[in-house]
Amino acid sequence: MKKLLVAAALVSGVSFAAGAKGTDAWKTLDKDGDGSLSAEEAAGDAELNSHFSTLDKNADGKLSAEEYKAHHADHAKGGKKAK
């Protein structure tokens, strides 16, 4: 069963873990602690980096916690990719 769960996690390509782990990822990525993620900080996560410009809804060059949470929530609901 553990192998199946690990395989499912790897196949999904989801880089964001649910709950507190998503918060931990944010803290890890937000190197300067300013409460937003720059493109350089987002580069630490391949998937987030690949969708950065789409996720940056207000096009200010950084992801707010709200923009990040919206992406994270999409993944928790079934792995929806940014459009």
PDB file of N, CA and C in Angstrom:
ATOM      1  N   MET A   1       0.828  -1.201   0.000  1.00  0.00           N
ATOM      2  CA  MET A   1       0.000   0.000   0.000  1.00  0.00           C
ATOM      3  C   MET A   1       0.868   1.259   0.000  1.00  0.00           C
ATOM      4  N   LYS A   2       1.941   1.256   0.806  1.00  0.00           N
ATOM      5  CA  LYS A   2       2.821   2.421   0.846  1.00  0.00           C
ATOM      6  C   LYS A   2       3.419   2.687  -0.523  1.00  0.00           C
ATOM      7  N   LYS A   3       3.837   1.624  -1.209  1.00  0.00           N
ATOM      8  CA  LYS A   3       4.429   1.793  -2.531  1.00  0.00           C
ATOM      9  C   LYS A   3       3.435   2.407  -3.495  1.00  0.00           C
ATOM     10  N   LEU A   4       2.177   2.000  -3.398  1.00  0.00           N
ATOM     11  CA  LEU A   4       1.144   2.552  -4.263  1.00  0.00           C
ATOM     12  C   LEU A   4       0.952   4.036  -3.996  1.00  0.00           C
ATOM     13  N   LEU A   5       0.923   4.424  -2.742  1.00  0.00           N
ATOM     14  CA  LEU A   5       0.756   5.833  -2.391  1.00  0.00           C
ATOM     15  C   LEU A   5       1.944   6.666  -2.867  1.00  0.00           C
ATOM     16  N   VAL A   6       3.137   6.144  -2.684  1.00  0.00           N
ATOM     17  CA  VAL A   6       4.330   6.863  -3.123  1.00  0.00           C
ATOM     18  C   VAL A   6       4.314   7.000  -4.642  1.00  0.00           C
ATOM     19  N   ALA A   7       3.975   5.927  -5.334  1.00  0.00           N
ATOM     20  CA  ALA A   7       3.915   5.968  -6.790  1.00  0.00           C
ATOM     21  C   ALA A   7       2.871   6.971  -7.263  1.00  0.00           C
ATOM     22  N   ALA A   8       1.718   6.985  -6.622  1.00  0.00           N
ATOM     23  CA  ALA A   8       0.663   7.925  -6.999  1.00  0.00           C
ATOM     24  C   ALA A   8       1.128   9.362  -6.803  1.00  0.00           C
ATOM     25  N   ALA A   9       1.832   9.623  -5.729  1.00  0.00           N
ATOM     26  CA  ALA A   9       2.328  10.970  -5.469  1.00  0.00           C
ATOM     27  C   ALA A   9       3.351  11.382  -6.527  1.00  0.00           C
ATOM     28  N   LEU A  10       4.214  10.467  -6.897  1.00  0.00           N
ATOM     29  CA  LEU A  10       5.230  10.778  -7.900  1.00  0.00           C
ATOM     30  C   LEU A  10       4.622  10.989  -9.281  1.00  0.00           C
ATOM     31  N   VAL A  11       3.661  10.164  -9.637  1.00  0.00           N
ATOM     32  CA  VAL A  11       3.031  10.262 -10.948  1.00  0.00           C
ATOM     33  C   VAL A  11       2.223  11.537 -11.081  1.00  0.00           C
ATOM     34  N   SER A  12       1.618  11.975 -10.015  1.00  0.00           N
ATOM     35  CA  SER A  12       0.753  13.153 -10.073  1.00  0.00           C
ATOM     36  C   SER A  12       1.509  14.414 -10.434  1.00  0.00           C
ATOM     37  N   GLY A  13       2.769  14.474 -10.086  1.00  0.00           N
ATOM     38  CA  GLY A  13       3.557  15.667 -10.384  1.00  0.00           C
ATOM     39  C   GLY A  13       3.196  16.850  -9.513  1.00  0.00           C
ATOM     40  N   VAL A  14       2.414  16.631  -8.497  1.00  0.00           N
ATOM     41  CA  VAL A  14       2.001  17.709  -7.612  1.00  0.00           C
ATOM     42  C   VAL A  14       3.140  18.036  -6.670  1.00  0.00           C
ATOM     43  N   SER A  15       3.582  19.263  -6.694  1.00  0.00           N
ATOM     44  CA  SER A  15       4.697  19.651  -5.850  1.00  0.00           C
ATOM     45  C   SER A  15       4.242  20.227  -4.517  1.00  0.00           C
ATOM     46  N   PHE A  16       2.965  20.452  -4.390  1.00  0.00           N
ATOM     47  CA  PHE A  16       2.456  21.032  -3.163  1.00  0.00           C
ATOM     48  C   PHE A  16       1.794  19.959  -2.320  1.00  0.00           C
ATOM     49  N   ALA A  17       2.229  19.814  -1.091  1.00  0.00           N
ATOM     50  CA  ALA A  17       1.598  18.874  -0.180  1.00  0.00           C
ATOM     51  C   ALA A  17       0.414  19.565   0.485  1.00  0.00           C
ATOM     52  N   ALA A  18      -0.507  18.773   0.973  1.00  0.00           N
ATOM     53  CA  ALA A  18      -1.706  19.327   1.597  1.00  0.00           C
ATOM     54  C   ALA A  18      -1.401  19.915   2.964  1.00  0.00           C
ATOM     55  N   GLY A  19      -2.244  20.849   3.376  1.00  0.00           N
ATOM     56  CA  GLY A  19      -2.210  21.364   4.733  1.00  0.00           C
ATOM     57  C   GLY A  19      -0.912  22.048   5.107  1.00  0.00           C
ATOM     58  N   ALA A  20      -0.389  21.656   6.264  1.00  0.00           N
ATOM     59  CA  ALA A  20       0.797  22.298   6.823  1.00  0.00           C
ATOM     60  C   ALA A  20       2.004  22.158   5.908  1.00  0.00           C
ATOM     61  N   LYS A  21       2.072  21.073   5.163  1.00  0.00           N
ATOM     62  CA  LYS A  21       3.214  20.893   4.273  1.00  0.00           C
ATOM     63  C   LYS A  21       3.228  21.964   3.191  1.00  0.00           C
ATOM     64  N   GLY A  22       2.063  22.407   2.723  1.00  0.00           N
ATOM     65  CA  GLY A  22       2.000  23.506   1.764  1.00  0.00           C
ATOM     66  C   GLY A  22       2.532  24.791   2.373  1.00  0.00           C
ATOM     67  N   THR A  23       2.226  25.007   3.637  1.00  0.00           N
ATOM     68  CA  THR A  23       2.740  26.167   4.358  1.00  0.00           C
ATOM     69  C   THR A  23       4.244  26.071   4.493  1.00  0.00           C
ATOM     70  N   ASP A  24       4.747  24.864   4.772  1.00  0.00           N
ATOM     71  CA  ASP A  24       6.189  24.665   4.872  1.00  0.00           C
ATOM     72  C   ASP A  24       6.865  24.972   3.546  1.00  0.00           C
ATOM     73  N   ALA A  25       6.241  24.551   2.445  1.00  0.00           N
ATOM     74  CA  ALA A  25       6.804  24.827   1.119  1.00  0.00           C
ATOM     75  C   ALA A  25       6.886  26.335   0.893  1.00  0.00           C
ATOM     76  N   TRP A  26       5.832  27.042   1.264  1.00  0.00           N
ATOM     77  CA  TRP A  26       5.824  28.511   1.113  1.00  0.00           C
ATOM     78  C   TRP A  26       6.979  29.115   1.898  1.00  0.00           C
ATOM     79  N   LYS A  27       7.125  28.707   3.147  1.00  0.00           N
ATOM     80  CA  LYS A  27       8.192  29.251   3.992  1.00  0.00           C
ATOM     81  C   LYS A  27       9.567  28.954   3.411  1.00  0.00           C
ATOM     82  N   THR A  28       9.725  27.773   2.842  1.00  0.00           N
ATOM     83  CA  THR A  28      10.999  27.394   2.240  1.00  0.00           C
ATOM     84  C   THR A  28      11.287  28.233   1.005  1.00  0.00           C
ATOM     85  N   LEU A  29      10.268  28.453   0.183  1.00  0.00           N
ATOM     86  CA  LEU A  29      10.454  29.204  -1.053  1.00  0.00           C
ATOM     87  C   LEU A  29      10.629  30.701  -0.813  1.00  0.00           C
ATOM     88  N   ASP A  30       9.935  31.245   0.177  1.00  0.00           N
ATOM     89  CA  ASP A  30       9.987  32.687   0.453  1.00  0.00           C
ATOM     90  C   ASP A  30      11.282  33.016   1.203  1.00  0.00           C
ATOM     91  N   LYS A  31      12.376  33.007   0.466  1.00  0.00           N
ATOM     92  CA  LYS A  31      13.718  33.159   1.049  1.00  0.00           C
ATOM     93  C   LYS A  31      13.902  34.461   1.816  1.00  0.00           C
ATOM     94  N   ASP A  32      13.332  35.553   1.309  1.00  0.00           N
ATOM     95  CA  ASP A  32      13.531  36.836   1.981  1.00  0.00           C
ATOM     96  C   ASP A  32      12.456  37.144   3.019  1.00  0.00           C
ATOM     97  N   GLY A  33      11.470  36.261   3.142  1.00  0.00           N
ATOM     98  CA  GLY A  33      10.449  36.407   4.176  1.00  0.00           C
ATOM     99  C   GLY A  33       9.534  37.604   4.005  1.00  0.00           C
ATOM    100  N   ASP A  34       9.389  38.100   2.769  1.00  0.00           N
ATOM    101  CA  ASP A  34       8.561  39.286   2.565  1.00  0.00           C
ATOM    102  C   ASP A  34       7.080  38.977   2.359  1.00  0.00           C
ATOM    103  N   GLY A  35       6.718  37.687   2.402  1.00  0.00           N
ATOM    104  CA  GLY A  35       5.314  37.324   2.266  1.00  0.00           C
ATOM    105  C   GLY A  35       4.843  37.151   0.837  1.00  0.00           C
ATOM    106  N   SER A  36       5.768  37.216  -0.109  1.00  0.00           N
ATOM    107  CA  SER A  36       5.436  36.960  -1.507  1.00  0.00           C
ATOM    108  C   SER A  36       6.599  36.196  -2.139  1.00  0.00           C
ATOM    109  N   LEU A  37       6.316  35.584  -3.291  1.00  0.00           N
ATOM    110  CA  LEU A  37       7.358  34.845  -3.992  1.00  0.00           C
ATOM    111  C   LEU A  37       7.730  35.558  -5.281  1.00  0.00           C
ATOM    112  N   SER A  38       8.987  35.905  -5.405  1.00  0.00           N
ATOM    113  CA  SER A  38       9.488  36.468  -6.657  1.00  0.00           C
ATOM    114  C   SER A  38       9.685  35.322  -7.646  1.00  0.00           C
ATOM    115  N   ALA A  39       9.911  35.665  -8.904  1.00  0.00           N
ATOM    116  CA  ALA A  39      10.185  34.639  -9.913  1.00  0.00           C
ATOM    117  C   ALA A  39      11.432  33.847  -9.533  1.00  0.00           C
ATOM    118  N   GLU A  40      12.422  34.519  -8.971  1.00  0.00           N
ATOM    119  CA  GLU A  40      13.648  33.839  -8.558  1.00  0.00           C
ATOM    120  C   GLU A  40      13.369  32.838  -7.436  1.00  0.00           C
ATOM    121  N   GLU A  41      12.535  33.220  -6.483  1.00  0.00           N
ATOM    122  CA  GLU A  41      12.187  32.307  -5.389  1.00  0.00           C
ATOM    123  C   GLU A  41      11.355  31.140  -5.908  1.00  0.00           C
ATOM    124  N   ALA A  42      10.422  31.424  -6.809  1.00  0.00           N
ATOM    125  CA  ALA A  42       9.564  30.371  -7.369  1.00  0.00           C
ATOM    126  C   ALA A  42      10.366  29.365  -8.182  1.00  0.00           C
ATOM    127  N   ALA A  43      11.516  29.768  -8.671  1.00  0.00           N
ATOM    128  CA  ALA A  43      12.363  28.862  -9.451  1.00  0.00           C
ATOM    129  C   ALA A  43      12.791  27.656  -8.627  1.00  0.00           C
ATOM    130  N   GLY A  44      12.658  27.732  -7.310  1.00  0.00           N
ATOM    131  CA  GLY A  44      12.976  26.610  -6.438  1.00  0.00           C
ATOM    132  C   GLY A  44      11.983  25.469  -6.540  1.00  0.00           C
ATOM    133  N   ASP A  45      10.877  25.665  -7.244  1.00  0.00           N
ATOM    134  CA  ASP A  45       9.861  24.629  -7.450  1.00  0.00           C
ATOM    135  C   ASP A  45       9.563  24.593  -8.942  1.00  0.00           C
ATOM    136  N   ALA A  46       9.918  23.486  -9.583  1.00  0.00           N
ATOM    137  CA  ALA A  46       9.822  23.397 -11.042  1.00  0.00           C
ATOM    138  C   ALA A  46       8.415  23.669 -11.559  1.00  0.00           C
ATOM    139  N   GLU A  47       7.405  23.089 -10.941  1.00  0.00           N
ATOM    140  CA  GLU A  47       6.037  23.295 -11.428  1.00  0.00           C
ATOM    141  C   GLU A  47       5.581  24.725 -11.206  1.00  0.00           C
ATOM    142  N   LEU A  48       5.809  25.234 -10.026  1.00  0.00           N
ATOM    143  CA  LEU A  48       5.425  26.619  -9.730  1.00  0.00           C
ATOM    144  C   LEU A  48       6.127  27.569 -10.697  1.00  0.00           C
ATOM    145  N   ASN A  49       7.389  27.325 -10.937  1.00  0.00           N
ATOM    146  CA  ASN A  49       8.162  28.147 -11.852  1.00  0.00           C
ATOM    147  C   ASN A  49       7.580  28.110 -13.263  1.00  0.00           C
ATOM    148  N   SER A  50       7.167  26.932 -13.712  1.00  0.00           N
ATOM    149  CA  SER A  50       6.652  26.805 -15.077  1.00  0.00           C
ATOM    150  C   SER A  50       5.313  27.509 -15.276  1.00  0.00           C
ATOM    151  N   HIS A  51       4.584  27.772 -14.199  1.00  0.00           N
ATOM    152  CA  HIS A  51       3.272  28.428 -14.284  1.00  0.00           C
ATOM    153  C   HIS A  51       3.276  29.819 -13.655  1.00  0.00           C
ATOM    154  N   PHE A  52       4.446  30.316 -13.323  1.00  0.00           N
ATOM    155  CA  PHE A  52       4.537  31.555 -12.554  1.00  0.00           C
ATOM    156  C   PHE A  52       3.758  32.707 -13.175  1.00  0.00           C
ATOM    157  N   SER A  53       3.973  32.971 -14.443  1.00  0.00           N
ATOM    158  CA  SER A  53       3.328  34.141 -15.065  1.00  0.00           C
ATOM    159  C   SER A  53       1.818  33.996 -15.111  1.00  0.00           C
ATOM    160  N   THR A  54       1.319  32.776 -15.245  1.00  0.00           N
ATOM    161  CA  THR A  54      -0.133  32.546 -15.242  1.00  0.00           C
ATOM    162  C   THR A  54      -0.706  32.714 -13.838  1.00  0.00           C
ATOM    163  N   LEU A  55       0.031  32.246 -12.855  1.00  0.00           N
ATOM    164  CA  LEU A  55      -0.440  32.328 -11.466  1.00  0.00           C
ATOM    165  C   LEU A  55      -0.385  33.747 -10.924  1.00  0.00           C
ATOM    166  N   ASP A  56       0.494  34.558 -11.459  1.00  0.00           N
ATOM    167  CA  ASP A  56       0.637  35.953 -11.030  1.00  0.00           C
ATOM    168  C   ASP A  56      -0.503  36.766 -11.630  1.00  0.00           C
ATOM    169  N   LYS A  57      -1.683  36.615 -11.056  1.00  0.00           N
ATOM    170  CA  LYS A  57      -2.920  37.186 -11.617  1.00  0.00           C
ATOM    171  C   LYS A  57      -2.875  38.693 -11.803  1.00  0.00           C
ATOM    172  N   ASN A  58      -2.219  39.405 -10.893  1.00  0.00           N
ATOM    173  CA  ASN A  58      -2.178  40.864 -11.024  1.00  0.00           C
ATOM    174  C   ASN A  58      -0.915  41.351 -11.744  1.00  0.00           C
ATOM    175  N   ALA A  59      -0.106  40.419 -12.266  1.00  0.00           N
ATOM    176  CA  ALA A  59       1.076  40.726 -13.064  1.00  0.00           C
ATOM    177  C   ALA A  59       2.031  41.714 -12.398  1.00  0.00           C
ATOM    178  N   ASP A  60       2.210  41.543 -11.091  1.00  0.00           N
ATOM    179  CA  ASP A  60       3.137  42.420 -10.376  1.00  0.00           C
ATOM    180  C   ASP A  60       4.535  41.815 -10.228  1.00  0.00           C
ATOM    181  N   GLY A  61       4.754  40.644 -10.838  1.00  0.00           N
ATOM    182  CA  GLY A  61       6.073  40.024 -10.798  1.00  0.00           C
ATOM    183  C   GLY A  61       6.353  39.193  -9.569  1.00  0.00           C
ATOM    184  N   LYS A  62       5.327  38.997  -8.752  1.00  0.00           N
ATOM    185  CA  LYS A  62       5.485  38.150  -7.577  1.00  0.00           C
ATOM    186  C   LYS A  62       4.164  37.470  -7.263  1.00  0.00           C
ATOM    187  N   LEU A  63       4.248  36.343  -6.570  1.00  0.00           N
ATOM    188  CA  LEU A  63       3.038  35.640  -6.156  1.00  0.00           C
ATOM    189  C   LEU A  63       2.716  36.003  -4.724  1.00  0.00           C
ATOM    190  N   SER A  64       1.498  36.445  -4.515  1.00  0.00           N
ATOM    191  CA  SER A  64       1.035  36.712  -3.158  1.00  0.00           C
ATOM    192  C   SER A  64       0.650  35.381  -2.517  1.00  0.00           C
ATOM    193  N   ALA A  65       0.449  35.400  -1.226  1.00  0.00           N
ATOM    194  CA  ALA A  65      -0.004  34.196  -0.534  1.00  0.00           C
ATOM    195  C   ALA A  65      -1.343  33.736  -1.100  1.00  0.00           C
ATOM    196  N   GLU A  66      -2.209  34.677  -1.474  1.00  0.00           N
ATOM    197  CA  GLU A  66      -3.520  34.332  -2.029  1.00  0.00           C
ATOM    198  C   GLU A  66      -3.387  33.645  -3.386  1.00  0.00           C
ATOM    199  N   GLU A  67      -2.502  34.156  -4.229  1.00  0.00           N
ATOM    200  CA  GLU A  67      -2.277  33.537  -5.540  1.00  0.00           C
ATOM    201  C   GLU A  67      -1.709  32.123  -5.372  1.00  0.00           C
ATOM    202  N   TYR A  68      -0.791  31.966  -4.455  1.00  0.00           N
ATOM    203  CA  TYR A  68      -0.193  30.663  -4.170  1.00  0.00           C
ATOM    204  C   TYR A  68      -1.246  29.695  -3.623  1.00  0.00           C
ATOM    205  N   LYS A  69      -2.060  30.172  -2.679  1.00  0.00           N
ATOM    206  CA  LYS A  69      -3.103  29.325  -2.083  1.00  0.00           C
ATOM    207  C   LYS A  69      -4.128  28.885  -3.121  1.00  0.00           C
ATOM    208  N   ALA A  70      -4.468  29.761  -4.046  1.00  0.00           N
ATOM    209  CA  ALA A  70      -5.429  29.404  -5.092  1.00  0.00           C
ATOM    210  C   ALA A  70      -4.875  28.265  -5.945  1.00  0.00           C
ATOM    211  N   HIS A  71      -3.609  28.333  -6.292  1.00  0.00           N
ATOM    212  CA  HIS A  71      -2.968  27.269  -7.065  1.00  0.00           C
ATOM    213  C   HIS A  71      -2.917  25.987  -6.244  1.00  0.00           C
ATOM    214  N   HIS A  72      -2.559  26.111  -4.986  1.00  0.00           N
ATOM    215  CA  HIS A  72      -2.480  24.970  -4.078  1.00  0.00           C
ATOM    216  C   HIS A  72      -3.865  24.323  -3.935  1.00  0.00           C
ATOM    217  N   ALA A  73      -4.901  25.121  -3.816  1.00  0.00           N
ATOM    218  CA  ALA A  73      -6.271  24.594  -3.685  1.00  0.00           C
ATOM    219  C   ALA A  73      -6.694  23.848  -4.942  1.00  0.00           C
ATOM    220  N   ASP A  74      -6.313  24.356  -6.112  1.00  0.00           N
ATOM    221  CA  ASP A  74      -6.623  23.662  -7.369  1.00  0.00           C
ATOM    222  C   ASP A  74      -6.009  22.270  -7.374  1.00  0.00           C
ATOM    223  N   HIS A  75      -4.783  22.161  -6.901  1.00  0.00           N
ATOM    224  CA  HIS A  75      -4.116  20.855  -6.849  1.00  0.00           C
ATOM    225  C   HIS A  75      -4.795  19.924  -5.855  1.00  0.00           C
ATOM    226  N   ALA A  76      -5.221  20.451  -4.752  1.00  0.00           N
ATOM    227  CA  ALA A  76      -5.885  19.622  -3.741  1.00  0.00           C
ATOM    228  C   ALA A  76      -7.220  19.093  -4.239  1.00  0.00           C
ATOM    229  N   LYS A  77      -7.805  19.801  -5.206  1.00  0.00           N
ATOM    230  CA  LYS A  77      -9.106  19.376  -5.763  1.00  0.00           C
ATOM    231  C   LYS A  77      -8.957  18.467  -6.966  1.00  0.00           C
ATOM    232  N   GLY A  78      -7.749  18.025  -7.253  1.00  0.00           N
ATOM    233  CA  GLY A  78      -7.604  17.071  -8.347  1.00  0.00           C
ATOM    234  C   GLY A  78      -6.493  17.382  -9.322  1.00  0.00           C
ATOM    235  N   GLY A  79      -5.573  18.215  -8.944  1.00  0.00           N
ATOM    236  CA  GLY A  79      -4.418  18.439  -9.791  1.00  0.00           C
ATOM    237  C   GLY A  79      -4.647  19.336 -10.971  1.00  0.00           C
ATOM    238  N   LYS A  80      -5.617  20.218 -10.907  1.00  0.00           N
ATOM    239  CA  LYS A  80      -5.896  21.155 -12.004  1.00  0.00           C
ATOM    240  C   LYS A  80      -4.664  22.017 -12.271  1.00  0.00           C
ATOM    241  N   LYS A  81      -4.294  22.129 -13.512  1.00  0.00           N
ATOM    242  CA  LYS A  81      -3.151  22.944 -13.901  1.00  0.00           C
ATOM    243  C   LYS A  81      -3.592  24.375 -14.164  1.00  0.00           C
ATOM    244  N   ALA A  82      -2.643  25.269 -14.017  1.00  0.00           N
ATOM    245  CA  ALA A  82      -2.927  26.674 -14.328  1.00  0.00           C
ATOM    246  C   ALA A  82      -3.202  26.804 -15.815  1.00  0.00           C
ATOM    247  N   LYS A  83      -4.089  27.720 -16.168  1.00  0.00           N
ATOM    248  CA  LYS A  83      -4.419  27.946 -17.585  1.00  0.00           C
ATOM    249  C   LYS A  83      -3.960  29.306 -18.017  1.00  0.00           C
TER     250      LYS A  83
END
